[in-house]
């Protein structure tokens, strides 16, 4: 007898500024092979345009940020996303070019019960190139090499819903930046594995994260929060000093550096949320995977 396929849902958040791209993404999800993917589109502080009847919609009165909007989408599938087994998180201006993508996601989770998160490869639709920052490991020169990793890409991934049910949702208060790493560290500490799969592709235009006005402040603030929430106490100053050195070595403009330093200070003086430091066993596991949690 054939076994039942894993139930797959998808969460897409949008600010309503890319309706054509959103519809292309939904068309690519509808074209996936196997059981249909259930989709929730969250209007993050915006009304939604007319969408296909098979799409569930949630309109939020205010922008809750990326993790907050995605958490609303998770709960639209029941507590912890429990109505489905796996949730895809896809940027609203992305597209799944291969109709076999979701079936391969199902196969990956079925084959490995400890696999909690899959990070897709993001490729520019025109050039096919994958930016180094979109390969979630330090040795990023070969984006076509799949591997176990320690973090994942926020707008191109699949998460087993048991992960949310065990370790909790994305950190709402982060609003933007590093929310994926926060979830990844908690998942790894709970024993889950994360894979980067080069054969699972999301087409997405190449952009710079610095295009967002709040980028430098939130990157710095959230890095402090990330360390305060998740690292053993001796590693917090090491992690933050390493990132301060990296930031200075990149020679940002004075306005960017000023915003970064302001965010760094904000991260210390504001609440970071619950603290659940990872075990030293997890620190060693991250180190063996090639990314000790000090960089």
Protein backbone atom coordinates (compact mmCIF):
# COMPACT_ATOMS: atom_id res chain seq x y z
CA UNK A 1 0.00 0.00 0.00
CA UNK A 2 1.22 3.50 -0.82
CA UNK A 3 2.08 5.60 2.22
CA UNK A 4 0.46 8.99 2.69
CA UNK A 5 2.54 11.92 1.52
CA UNK A 6 3.72 14.48 4.00
CA UNK A 7 1.30 17.38 4.18
CA UNK A 8 3.03 20.53 2.94
CA UNK A 9 1.98 24.13 3.47
CA UNK A 10 3.55 27.40 2.40
CA UNK A 11 3.71 30.78 4.11
CA UNK A 12 4.24 33.90 2.02
CA UNK A 13 4.35 37.37 3.57
CA UNK A 14 3.91 40.45 1.43
CA UNK A 15 3.68 44.19 1.82
CA UNK A 16 1.52 44.42 -1.29
CA UNK A 17 4.16 46.08 -3.45
CA UNK A 18 4.80 43.16 -5.85
CA UNK A 19 1.43 41.76 -6.96
CA UNK A 20 2.69 40.41 -10.31
CA UNK A 21 5.64 38.66 -8.69
CA UNK A 22 3.37 37.25 -5.97
CA UNK A 23 1.04 35.74 -8.55
CA UNK A 24 4.01 34.19 -10.40
CA UNK A 25 5.16 32.62 -7.16
CA UNK A 26 1.68 31.22 -6.44
CA UNK A 27 1.48 29.82 -9.96
CA UNK A 28 4.79 28.02 -9.42
CA UNK A 29 3.54 26.56 -6.12
CA UNK A 30 0.29 25.41 -7.74
CA UNK A 31 2.33 23.66 -10.47
CA UNK A 32 4.20 21.44 -7.96
CA UNK A 33 3.83 17.69 -8.39
CA UNK A 34 2.13 15.51 -5.78
CA UNK A 35 -0.51 16.51 -3.27
CA UNK A 36 -1.40 20.22 -3.56
CA UNK A 37 0.49 22.62 -1.30
CA UNK A 38 -1.74 24.56 1.08
CA UNK A 39 -0.83 28.26 0.95
CA UNK A 40 -1.30 31.14 3.39
CA UNK A 41 -0.49 34.67 2.22
CA UNK A 42 -0.06 37.23 4.99
CA UNK A 43 -0.55 40.91 4.17
CA UNK A 44 1.99 42.45 6.55
CA UNK A 45 0.31 45.75 7.35
CA UNK A 46 -1.45 45.88 3.99
CA UNK A 47 -4.61 44.84 2.22
CA UNK A 48 -4.13 41.98 -0.20
CA UNK A 49 -4.96 42.03 -3.91
CA UNK A 50 -7.34 39.48 -5.37
CA UNK A 51 -5.72 36.06 -5.03
CA UNK A 52 -6.73 32.58 -6.22
CA UNK A 53 -9.58 31.00 -4.27
CA UNK A 54 -7.35 28.14 -3.03
CA UNK A 55 -5.11 30.60 -1.15
CA UNK A 56 -5.85 31.42 2.49
CA UNK A 57 -5.28 35.05 3.37
CA UNK A 58 -4.55 37.01 6.54
CA UNK A 59 -4.45 40.82 6.54
CA UNK A 60 -2.58 42.41 9.44
CA UNK A 61 -3.38 45.99 10.46
CA UNK A 62 0.31 46.74 11.02
CA UNK A 63 3.64 45.48 9.75
CA UNK A 64 4.90 42.94 12.30
CA UNK A 65 8.22 42.46 10.52
CA UNK A 66 9.46 39.33 8.81
CA UNK A 67 9.47 36.91 11.77
CA UNK A 68 6.22 38.30 13.16
CA UNK A 69 4.45 37.99 9.83
CA UNK A 70 5.75 34.47 9.28
CA UNK A 71 4.66 33.44 12.77
CA UNK A 72 1.13 34.57 11.95
CA UNK A 73 1.30 32.40 8.83
CA UNK A 74 2.48 29.42 10.87
CA UNK A 75 -0.43 29.76 13.31
CA UNK A 76 -2.87 29.98 10.39
CA UNK A 77 -2.11 26.25 10.01
CA UNK A 78 -3.08 25.59 13.63
CA UNK A 79 -0.89 25.76 16.75
CA UNK A 80 2.72 25.36 15.68
CA UNK A 81 1.55 24.77 12.11
CA UNK A 82 0.16 21.40 13.18
CA UNK A 83 -2.30 21.01 10.31
CA UNK A 84 0.66 20.22 8.04
CA UNK A 85 3.93 18.30 8.42
CA UNK A 86 6.21 20.72 6.58
CA UNK A 87 6.04 24.46 5.93
CA UNK A 88 7.73 26.26 3.05
CA UNK A 89 8.70 29.90 3.55
CA UNK A 90 9.02 31.69 0.23
CA UNK A 91 9.75 35.32 -0.65
CA UNK A 92 6.88 36.96 -2.50
CA UNK A 93 9.15 37.90 -5.43
CA UNK A 94 10.58 34.39 -5.79
CA UNK A 95 9.50 31.48 -8.00
CA UNK A 96 9.97 27.72 -7.91
CA UNK A 97 11.20 26.88 -11.43
CA UNK A 98 11.11 23.09 -10.98
CA UNK A 99 7.72 21.41 -10.40
CA UNK A 100 9.46 18.51 -8.63
CA UNK A 101 10.83 20.72 -5.82
CA UNK A 102 8.16 19.98 -3.23
CA UNK A 103 8.29 16.24 -3.94
CA UNK A 104 12.05 16.27 -3.30
CA UNK A 105 11.41 18.16 -0.07
CA UNK A 106 8.97 15.44 1.00
CA UNK A 107 11.49 12.73 0.11
CA UNK A 108 14.25 14.44 2.09
CA UNK A 109 12.19 14.69 5.27
CA UNK A 110 10.86 11.16 4.90
CA UNK A 111 14.37 9.75 4.46
CA UNK A 112 15.85 11.50 7.52
CA UNK A 113 13.70 11.75 10.68
CA UNK A 114 16.27 14.08 12.30
CA UNK A 115 16.19 16.57 9.42
CA UNK A 116 14.41 19.65 10.70
CA UNK A 117 15.15 22.41 8.17
CA UNK A 118 16.12 22.56 4.49
CA UNK A 119 17.66 25.68 3.01
CA UNK A 120 17.11 26.11 -0.75
CA UNK A 121 19.58 27.58 -3.21
CA UNK A 122 18.63 31.07 -4.38
CA UNK A 123 19.54 31.74 -8.00
CA UNK A 124 19.10 34.85 -10.11
CA UNK A 125 16.47 34.07 -12.76
CA UNK A 126 18.47 35.81 -15.52
CA UNK A 127 22.05 34.74 -14.79
CA UNK A 128 21.53 31.60 -12.70
CA UNK A 129 24.16 32.92 -10.29
CA UNK A 130 23.96 32.40 -6.55
CA UNK A 131 25.42 35.16 -4.36
CA UNK A 132 27.95 34.06 -1.72
CA UNK A 133 25.75 35.50 1.04
CA UNK A 134 23.00 33.10 -0.06
CA UNK A 135 25.11 30.03 0.72
CA UNK A 136 24.59 29.45 4.46
CA UNK A 137 28.10 28.32 5.37
CA UNK A 138 31.56 29.87 5.62
CA UNK A 139 33.00 27.95 2.65
CA UNK A 140 30.59 29.48 0.15
CA UNK A 141 32.66 29.41 -3.04
CA UNK A 142 30.76 26.43 -4.48
CA UNK A 143 26.99 27.10 -4.25
CA UNK A 144 26.29 23.85 -6.14
CA UNK A 145 27.60 21.71 -3.26
CA UNK A 146 24.95 20.53 -0.84
CA UNK A 147 25.93 20.04 2.81
CA UNK A 148 24.87 20.06 6.42
CA UNK A 149 24.84 23.65 7.67
CA UNK A 150 24.19 25.68 10.82
CA UNK A 151 21.70 28.24 9.53
CA UNK A 152 19.34 28.75 6.60
CA UNK A 153 17.86 31.32 4.21
CA UNK A 154 14.69 32.97 5.45
CA UNK A 155 12.78 33.34 2.20
CA UNK A 156 13.67 30.00 0.61
CA UNK A 157 13.36 27.10 3.00
CA UNK A 158 11.27 24.23 4.35
CA UNK A 159 10.80 23.51 8.06
CA UNK A 160 9.35 20.41 9.68
CA UNK A 161 6.51 21.76 11.84
CA UNK A 162 7.67 19.58 14.74
CA UNK A 163 10.59 21.99 15.05
CA UNK A 164 8.26 24.90 15.87
CA UNK A 165 6.26 22.73 18.23
CA UNK A 166 9.43 21.76 20.11
CA UNK A 167 11.54 24.93 20.18
CA UNK A 168 9.00 27.68 19.52
CA UNK A 169 8.46 30.19 16.71
CA UNK A 170 10.69 32.75 15.10
CA UNK A 171 11.66 35.64 17.42
CA UNK A 172 9.01 38.32 16.75
CA UNK A 173 10.95 41.18 18.30
CA UNK A 174 13.83 40.82 15.81
CA UNK A 175 11.55 42.33 13.11
CA UNK A 176 14.26 41.91 10.45
CA UNK A 177 17.67 40.15 10.37
CA UNK A 178 19.12 37.05 12.10
CA UNK A 179 15.75 35.53 13.00
CA UNK A 180 16.67 32.42 10.96
CA UNK A 181 19.91 31.88 12.88
CA UNK A 182 18.08 32.22 16.17
CA UNK A 183 15.67 29.45 15.16
CA UNK A 184 18.50 27.38 13.65
CA UNK A 185 20.57 27.46 16.85
CA UNK A 186 17.55 26.45 18.95
CA UNK A 187 16.73 23.63 16.53
CA UNK A 188 20.31 22.35 16.49
CA UNK A 189 20.42 22.46 20.27
CA UNK A 190 17.27 20.31 20.31
CA UNK A 191 18.97 17.71 18.10
CA UNK A 192 17.59 18.62 14.68
CA UNK A 193 19.74 18.82 11.53
CA UNK A 194 19.78 21.49 8.81
CA UNK A 195 20.63 20.80 5.17
CA UNK A 196 21.56 23.18 2.38
CA UNK A 197 20.24 21.61 -0.83
CA UNK A 198 21.69 23.03 -4.03
CA UNK A 199 19.18 21.08 -6.14
CA UNK A 200 16.19 22.84 -4.56
CA UNK A 201 16.12 26.21 -6.28
CA UNK A 202 14.17 29.41 -5.76
CA UNK A 203 14.55 31.96 -8.53
CA UNK A 204 14.93 35.39 -6.98
CA UNK A 205 16.39 38.65 -8.34
CA UNK A 206 19.81 39.51 -6.98
CA UNK A 207 19.48 42.31 -4.42
CA UNK A 208 21.48 43.87 -1.60
CA UNK A 209 20.17 43.61 1.97
CA UNK A 210 21.58 47.08 2.62
CA UNK A 211 18.77 48.49 0.44
CA UNK A 212 16.60 48.50 3.58
CA UNK A 213 16.94 51.75 5.54
CA UNK A 214 17.04 49.92 8.88
CA UNK A 215 19.55 47.29 7.74
CA UNK A 216 22.70 48.35 9.63
CA UNK A 217 20.93 49.15 12.91
CA UNK A 218 18.89 45.96 13.02
CA UNK A 219 21.76 43.70 11.92
CA UNK A 220 23.84 44.97 14.84
CA UNK A 221 21.02 45.05 17.41
CA UNK A 222 19.80 41.58 16.53
CA UNK A 223 23.30 40.12 16.58
CA UNK A 224 23.61 41.24 20.20
CA UNK A 225 20.16 39.82 20.96
CA UNK A 226 21.05 36.58 19.19
CA UNK A 227 24.12 36.09 21.35
CA UNK A 228 22.39 37.10 24.58
CA UNK A 229 19.54 34.65 23.91
CA UNK A 230 21.50 31.63 22.73
CA UNK A 231 25.20 31.56 23.61
CA UNK A 232 26.93 30.34 26.76
CA UNK A 233 28.12 33.40 28.71
CA UNK A 234 31.86 33.02 27.91
CA UNK A 235 31.15 33.05 24.16
CA UNK A 236 29.03 36.22 24.08
CA UNK A 237 31.94 38.73 24.18
CA UNK A 238 34.00 36.59 21.79
CA UNK A 239 31.18 36.43 19.24
CA UNK A 240 30.46 40.15 19.41
CA UNK A 241 34.11 41.23 19.30
CA UNK A 242 34.66 39.05 16.23
CA UNK A 243 31.71 40.67 14.49
CA UNK A 244 32.82 44.15 15.51
CA UNK A 245 36.21 43.43 13.92
CA UNK A 246 34.59 42.04 10.76
CA UNK A 247 32.33 45.09 10.47
CA UNK A 248 35.26 47.51 10.82
CA UNK A 249 37.33 45.50 8.31
CA UNK A 250 34.56 45.95 5.74
CA UNK A 251 35.11 49.74 6.01
CA UNK A 252 31.48 50.83 5.97
CA UNK A 253 30.58 54.47 5.34
CA UNK A 254 30.37 56.69 8.39
CA UNK A 255 26.52 56.83 8.33
CA UNK A 256 26.38 53.03 8.05
CA UNK A 257 28.91 52.56 10.87
CA UNK A 258 27.10 55.07 13.04
CA UNK A 259 23.82 53.18 12.52
CA UNK A 260 25.58 49.87 13.26
CA UNK A 261 27.11 51.16 16.50
CA UNK A 262 23.75 52.59 17.54
CA UNK A 263 22.12 49.21 16.94
CA UNK A 264 24.92 47.46 18.84
CA UNK A 265 24.26 49.67 21.88
CA UNK A 266 20.50 49.18 21.52
CA UNK A 267 21.01 45.42 21.63
CA UNK A 268 22.54 45.71 25.10
CA UNK A 269 20.06 48.12 26.66
CA UNK A 270 16.82 46.56 25.38
CA UNK A 271 15.16 43.22 26.24
CA UNK A 272 16.21 40.35 23.98
CA UNK A 273 13.49 37.87 24.93
CA UNK A 274 13.88 34.55 26.76
CA UNK A 275 17.41 33.25 27.24
CA UNK A 276 18.02 29.57 26.48
CA UNK A 277 21.80 29.12 26.12
CA UNK A 278 22.86 26.23 23.93
CA UNK A 279 24.78 23.36 25.46
CA UNK A 280 28.53 23.02 25.01
CA UNK A 281 27.75 19.83 23.10
CA UNK A 282 25.89 22.00 20.56
CA UNK A 283 28.84 24.42 20.44
CA UNK A 284 31.07 21.48 19.53
CA UNK A 285 28.53 20.26 16.98
CA UNK A 286 28.49 23.68 15.28
CA UNK A 287 32.29 23.70 15.29
CA UNK A 288 32.43 20.27 13.64
CA UNK A 289 30.02 21.53 10.98
CA UNK A 290 32.53 24.26 10.15
CA UNK A 291 30.93 27.25 11.84
CA UNK A 292 31.69 27.63 15.55
CA UNK A 293 29.23 30.06 17.13
CA UNK A 294 31.74 32.89 17.40
CA UNK A 295 31.43 33.92 13.73
